């Protein structure tokens, strides 16, 4: 049987579900083959989409802290898993293997927000990008607290286009980034949105509106 072209294969929802099911069954059957001391967290599988499992040579067990029926986005699951390993097993360094820009921006954001995590790297092909260093360079370049600079970066990336948001017509991310960093102190309502509540208040819409006016 000819091997199908990967991009065409994986864009089919039925193929994706079948692959997830195959992985779930295979991993559970062969946990004894995992190296001693090796821990693998698996989530979002077709058999139990809301559950998260820890697989070791001793078998599999559910992780209630990471199980959530409403958590469908794989990109954000990555950082929940990293935080769990840091808190539970004292890991200080993590490497994410991905090419997605959304994940890269979130990696910069979370690299300075997970207590105990000293290094967060992103592997793209043969290259390793130090997200924790980039976060601190933003601090130095724009004379901003590292948490504020990374928050502004994440916010401007989201609202200037990402997987779920359209881009600003005629304006690129470079202009949006420059405006955000130059006015980060005035974007508090936007950069802190979601920290405590997801209510879209008038203050939030005003700050976002002012930001778009400055970009335009």
Protein backbone atom coordinates (compact mmCIF):
# COMPACT_ATOMS: atom_id res chain seq x y z
CA UNK A 1 0.00 0.00 0.00
CA UNK A 2 1.32 3.42 -0.94
CA UNK A 3 2.05 5.80 1.95
CA UNK A 4 -0.24 8.86 1.62
CA UNK A 5 1.07 12.40 1.52
CA UNK A 6 1.15 13.46 5.18
CA UNK A 7 -0.46 16.91 4.91
CA UNK A 8 -3.38 15.56 2.91
CA UNK A 9 -3.75 12.62 5.29
CA UNK A 10 -3.76 14.61 8.52
CA UNK A 11 -6.23 17.27 7.33
CA UNK A 12 -8.92 14.59 7.09
CA UNK A 13 -10.82 14.46 10.40
CA UNK A 14 -11.56 10.74 10.09
CA UNK A 15 -7.89 9.95 9.51
CA UNK A 16 -6.89 12.12 12.46
CA UNK A 17 -9.39 10.38 14.78
CA UNK A 18 -8.24 6.94 13.61
CA UNK A 19 -4.59 7.87 14.20
CA UNK A 20 -5.40 9.14 17.70
CA UNK A 21 -7.25 5.93 18.50
CA UNK A 22 -4.34 3.84 17.22
CA UNK A 23 -1.85 5.78 19.32
CA UNK A 24 -4.01 5.45 22.45
CA UNK A 25 -4.34 1.69 22.09
CA UNK A 26 -0.67 1.17 21.16
CA UNK A 27 0.70 3.27 24.00
CA UNK A 28 -1.45 1.52 26.61
CA UNK A 29 -0.47 -1.92 25.31
CA UNK A 30 3.26 -1.25 25.30
CA UNK A 31 3.89 0.73 28.48
CA UNK A 32 6.22 -2.04 29.72
CA UNK A 33 8.58 -1.16 26.89
CA UNK A 34 9.07 2.39 28.16
CA UNK A 35 12.54 3.03 29.63
CA UNK A 36 12.82 2.87 33.41
CA UNK A 37 12.18 6.29 34.95
CA UNK A 38 10.59 7.55 31.71
CA UNK A 39 7.30 9.44 32.13
CA UNK A 40 4.94 10.24 29.27
CA UNK A 41 1.82 12.41 29.56
CA UNK A 42 -0.84 11.75 26.94
CA UNK A 43 -3.99 13.82 26.45
CA UNK A 44 -6.66 14.60 23.88
CA UNK A 45 -6.87 11.06 22.53
CA UNK A 46 -10.02 9.98 20.72
CA UNK A 47 -10.81 7.24 23.25
CA UNK A 48 -10.95 9.69 26.21
CA UNK A 49 -10.69 13.25 24.83
CA UNK A 50 -11.21 14.93 28.19
CA UNK A 51 -8.80 12.79 30.17
CA UNK A 52 -5.04 12.94 30.64
CA UNK A 53 -2.90 9.91 31.44
CA UNK A 54 0.56 9.34 32.85
CA UNK A 55 2.29 6.41 31.20
CA UNK A 56 5.30 4.66 32.76
CA UNK A 57 6.78 1.17 32.59
CA UNK A 58 4.46 0.29 35.49
CA UNK A 59 1.33 1.08 33.45
CA UNK A 60 -1.03 4.02 32.97
CA UNK A 61 -2.93 6.19 35.44
CA UNK A 62 -5.20 9.19 35.00
CA UNK A 63 -4.01 12.64 36.07
CA UNK A 64 -7.13 14.42 37.40
CA UNK A 65 -5.29 17.77 37.62
CA UNK A 66 -4.78 17.77 33.85
CA UNK A 67 -8.07 16.14 32.83
CA UNK A 68 -10.63 18.60 31.45
CA UNK A 69 -13.48 17.94 29.05
CA UNK A 70 -13.50 21.61 27.98
CA UNK A 71 -9.78 21.79 27.15
CA UNK A 72 -9.68 21.02 23.43
CA UNK A 73 -6.79 23.21 22.28
CA UNK A 74 -3.56 21.21 21.96
CA UNK A 75 -1.37 24.33 21.89
CA UNK A 76 -2.31 25.40 25.42
CA UNK A 77 -2.20 21.82 26.75
CA UNK A 78 1.56 21.90 26.18
CA UNK A 79 2.08 24.50 28.90
CA UNK A 80 -0.27 22.79 31.34
CA UNK A 81 1.84 19.65 30.95
CA UNK A 82 5.10 21.55 31.39
CA UNK A 83 3.78 23.23 34.54
CA UNK A 84 2.70 19.84 35.91
CA UNK A 85 6.15 18.31 35.39
CA UNK A 86 7.85 21.33 36.98
CA UNK A 87 5.56 21.25 40.03
CA UNK A 88 5.38 17.48 40.48
CA UNK A 89 8.84 16.31 39.47
CA UNK A 90 11.03 19.39 39.88
CA UNK A 91 11.94 19.69 36.19
CA UNK A 92 13.77 22.94 35.47
CA UNK A 93 14.22 22.70 31.70
CA UNK A 94 11.69 21.94 28.96
CA UNK A 95 11.94 21.60 25.18
CA UNK A 96 8.91 22.02 22.91
CA UNK A 97 9.17 20.49 19.45
CA UNK A 98 6.95 22.59 17.17
CA UNK A 99 6.95 25.06 14.29
CA UNK A 100 3.73 26.94 15.11
CA UNK A 101 4.06 30.68 15.74
CA UNK A 102 1.23 30.68 18.29
CA UNK A 103 3.13 28.12 20.40
CA UNK A 104 6.36 30.11 20.07
CA UNK A 105 4.74 33.31 21.37
CA UNK A 106 3.07 31.45 24.23
CA UNK A 107 6.41 29.84 25.07
CA UNK A 108 7.97 33.28 25.52
CA UNK A 109 5.01 34.29 27.70
CA UNK A 110 5.03 31.20 29.93
CA UNK A 111 8.83 30.96 30.20
CA UNK A 112 8.71 33.63 32.92
CA UNK A 113 5.43 32.56 34.52
CA UNK A 114 5.93 28.96 35.60
CA UNK A 115 7.64 29.01 39.02
CA UNK A 116 10.66 26.72 39.08
CA UNK A 117 11.10 26.61 35.30
CA UNK A 118 14.56 27.97 34.49
CA UNK A 119 14.79 27.28 30.76
CA UNK A 120 12.15 26.85 28.05
CA UNK A 121 13.38 25.96 24.57
CA UNK A 122 11.58 25.50 21.28
CA UNK A 123 13.02 23.01 18.80
CA UNK A 124 12.38 23.81 15.16
CA UNK A 125 14.18 21.35 12.92
CA UNK A 126 17.82 21.34 14.01
CA UNK A 127 17.55 24.71 15.74
CA UNK A 128 16.82 25.38 19.41
CA UNK A 129 15.31 28.75 20.36
CA UNK A 130 15.75 29.96 23.95
CA UNK A 131 12.32 31.42 24.75
CA UNK A 132 13.34 32.39 28.31
CA UNK A 133 16.23 34.46 26.96
CA UNK A 134 14.00 36.21 24.42
CA UNK A 135 11.57 37.15 27.21
CA UNK A 136 14.38 38.77 29.20
CA UNK A 137 15.75 40.52 26.11
CA UNK A 138 12.35 42.17 25.63
CA UNK A 139 12.71 43.45 29.18
CA UNK A 140 16.12 44.95 28.42
CA UNK A 141 15.30 46.32 24.95
CA UNK A 142 12.13 48.15 25.94
CA UNK A 143 12.89 48.88 29.62
CA UNK A 144 9.74 47.09 30.73
CA UNK A 145 9.09 44.50 33.45
CA UNK A 146 9.53 41.10 31.81
CA UNK A 147 5.97 40.03 32.65
CA UNK A 148 4.52 43.20 31.10
CA UNK A 149 6.67 42.93 27.96
CA UNK A 150 5.73 39.27 27.41
CA UNK A 151 2.05 40.02 28.09
CA UNK A 152 2.07 42.83 25.54
CA UNK A 153 3.76 40.54 23.02
CA UNK A 154 1.15 37.81 23.49
CA UNK A 155 -1.78 40.23 23.30
CA UNK A 156 -0.55 41.98 20.17
CA UNK A 157 0.10 38.64 18.49
CA UNK A 158 -3.44 37.46 19.24
CA UNK A 159 -5.32 40.53 18.12
CA UNK A 160 -3.15 41.14 15.04
CA UNK A 161 -3.91 37.59 13.79
CA UNK A 162 -3.53 34.06 15.09
CA UNK A 163 -5.29 30.73 14.53
CA UNK A 164 -8.65 32.17 15.61
CA UNK A 165 -8.32 35.91 14.85
CA UNK A 166 -8.07 37.62 11.45
CA UNK A 167 -5.24 40.00 10.65
CA UNK A 168 -5.53 43.78 10.60
CA UNK A 169 -6.06 44.71 6.94
CA UNK A 170 -3.04 46.40 5.45
CA UNK A 171 -1.04 46.37 8.70
CA UNK A 172 1.58 43.82 9.63
CA UNK A 173 2.71 42.43 12.96
CA UNK A 174 5.87 44.55 13.03
CA UNK A 175 3.87 47.78 13.26
CA UNK A 176 1.55 46.27 15.87
CA UNK A 177 4.53 45.07 17.90
CA UNK A 178 6.23 48.47 17.86
CA UNK A 179 3.04 50.22 18.97
CA UNK A 180 2.43 47.70 21.75
CA UNK A 181 5.93 47.98 23.18
CA UNK A 182 5.91 51.77 22.99
CA UNK A 183 2.57 51.94 24.82
CA UNK A 184 2.69 48.81 27.01
CA UNK A 185 2.08 50.75 30.22
CA UNK A 186 -1.21 52.06 28.79
CA UNK A 187 -2.45 48.63 27.69
CA UNK A 188 -3.03 47.17 31.15
CA UNK A 189 -6.72 46.39 30.57
CA UNK A 190 -5.73 44.44 27.46
CA UNK A 191 -2.61 42.70 28.79
CA UNK A 192 -4.36 41.53 31.98
CA UNK A 193 -7.56 40.44 30.27
CA UNK A 194 -8.34 36.86 31.30
CA UNK A 195 -6.16 36.87 34.43
CA UNK A 196 -9.18 37.11 36.75
CA UNK A 197 -12.18 37.38 34.47
CA UNK A 198 -13.17 37.02 30.82
CA UNK A 199 -15.75 39.81 30.96
CA UNK A 200 -15.28 42.19 28.02
CA UNK A 201 -15.71 45.46 29.87
CA UNK A 202 -15.89 48.93 28.38
CA UNK A 203 -12.36 49.58 29.66
CA UNK A 204 -11.08 46.57 27.69
CA UNK A 205 -12.79 47.62 24.45
CA UNK A 206 -11.55 51.21 24.87
CA UNK A 207 -7.92 50.13 25.28
CA UNK A 208 -8.15 47.75 22.31
CA UNK A 209 -9.79 50.47 20.23
CA UNK A 210 -7.06 52.93 21.10
CA UNK A 211 -4.44 50.35 20.22
CA UNK A 212 -5.94 49.76 16.76
CA UNK A 213 -6.15 53.52 16.15
CA UNK A 214 -2.45 53.84 16.97
CA UNK A 215 -1.59 50.93 14.66
CA UNK A 216 -3.66 52.35 11.85
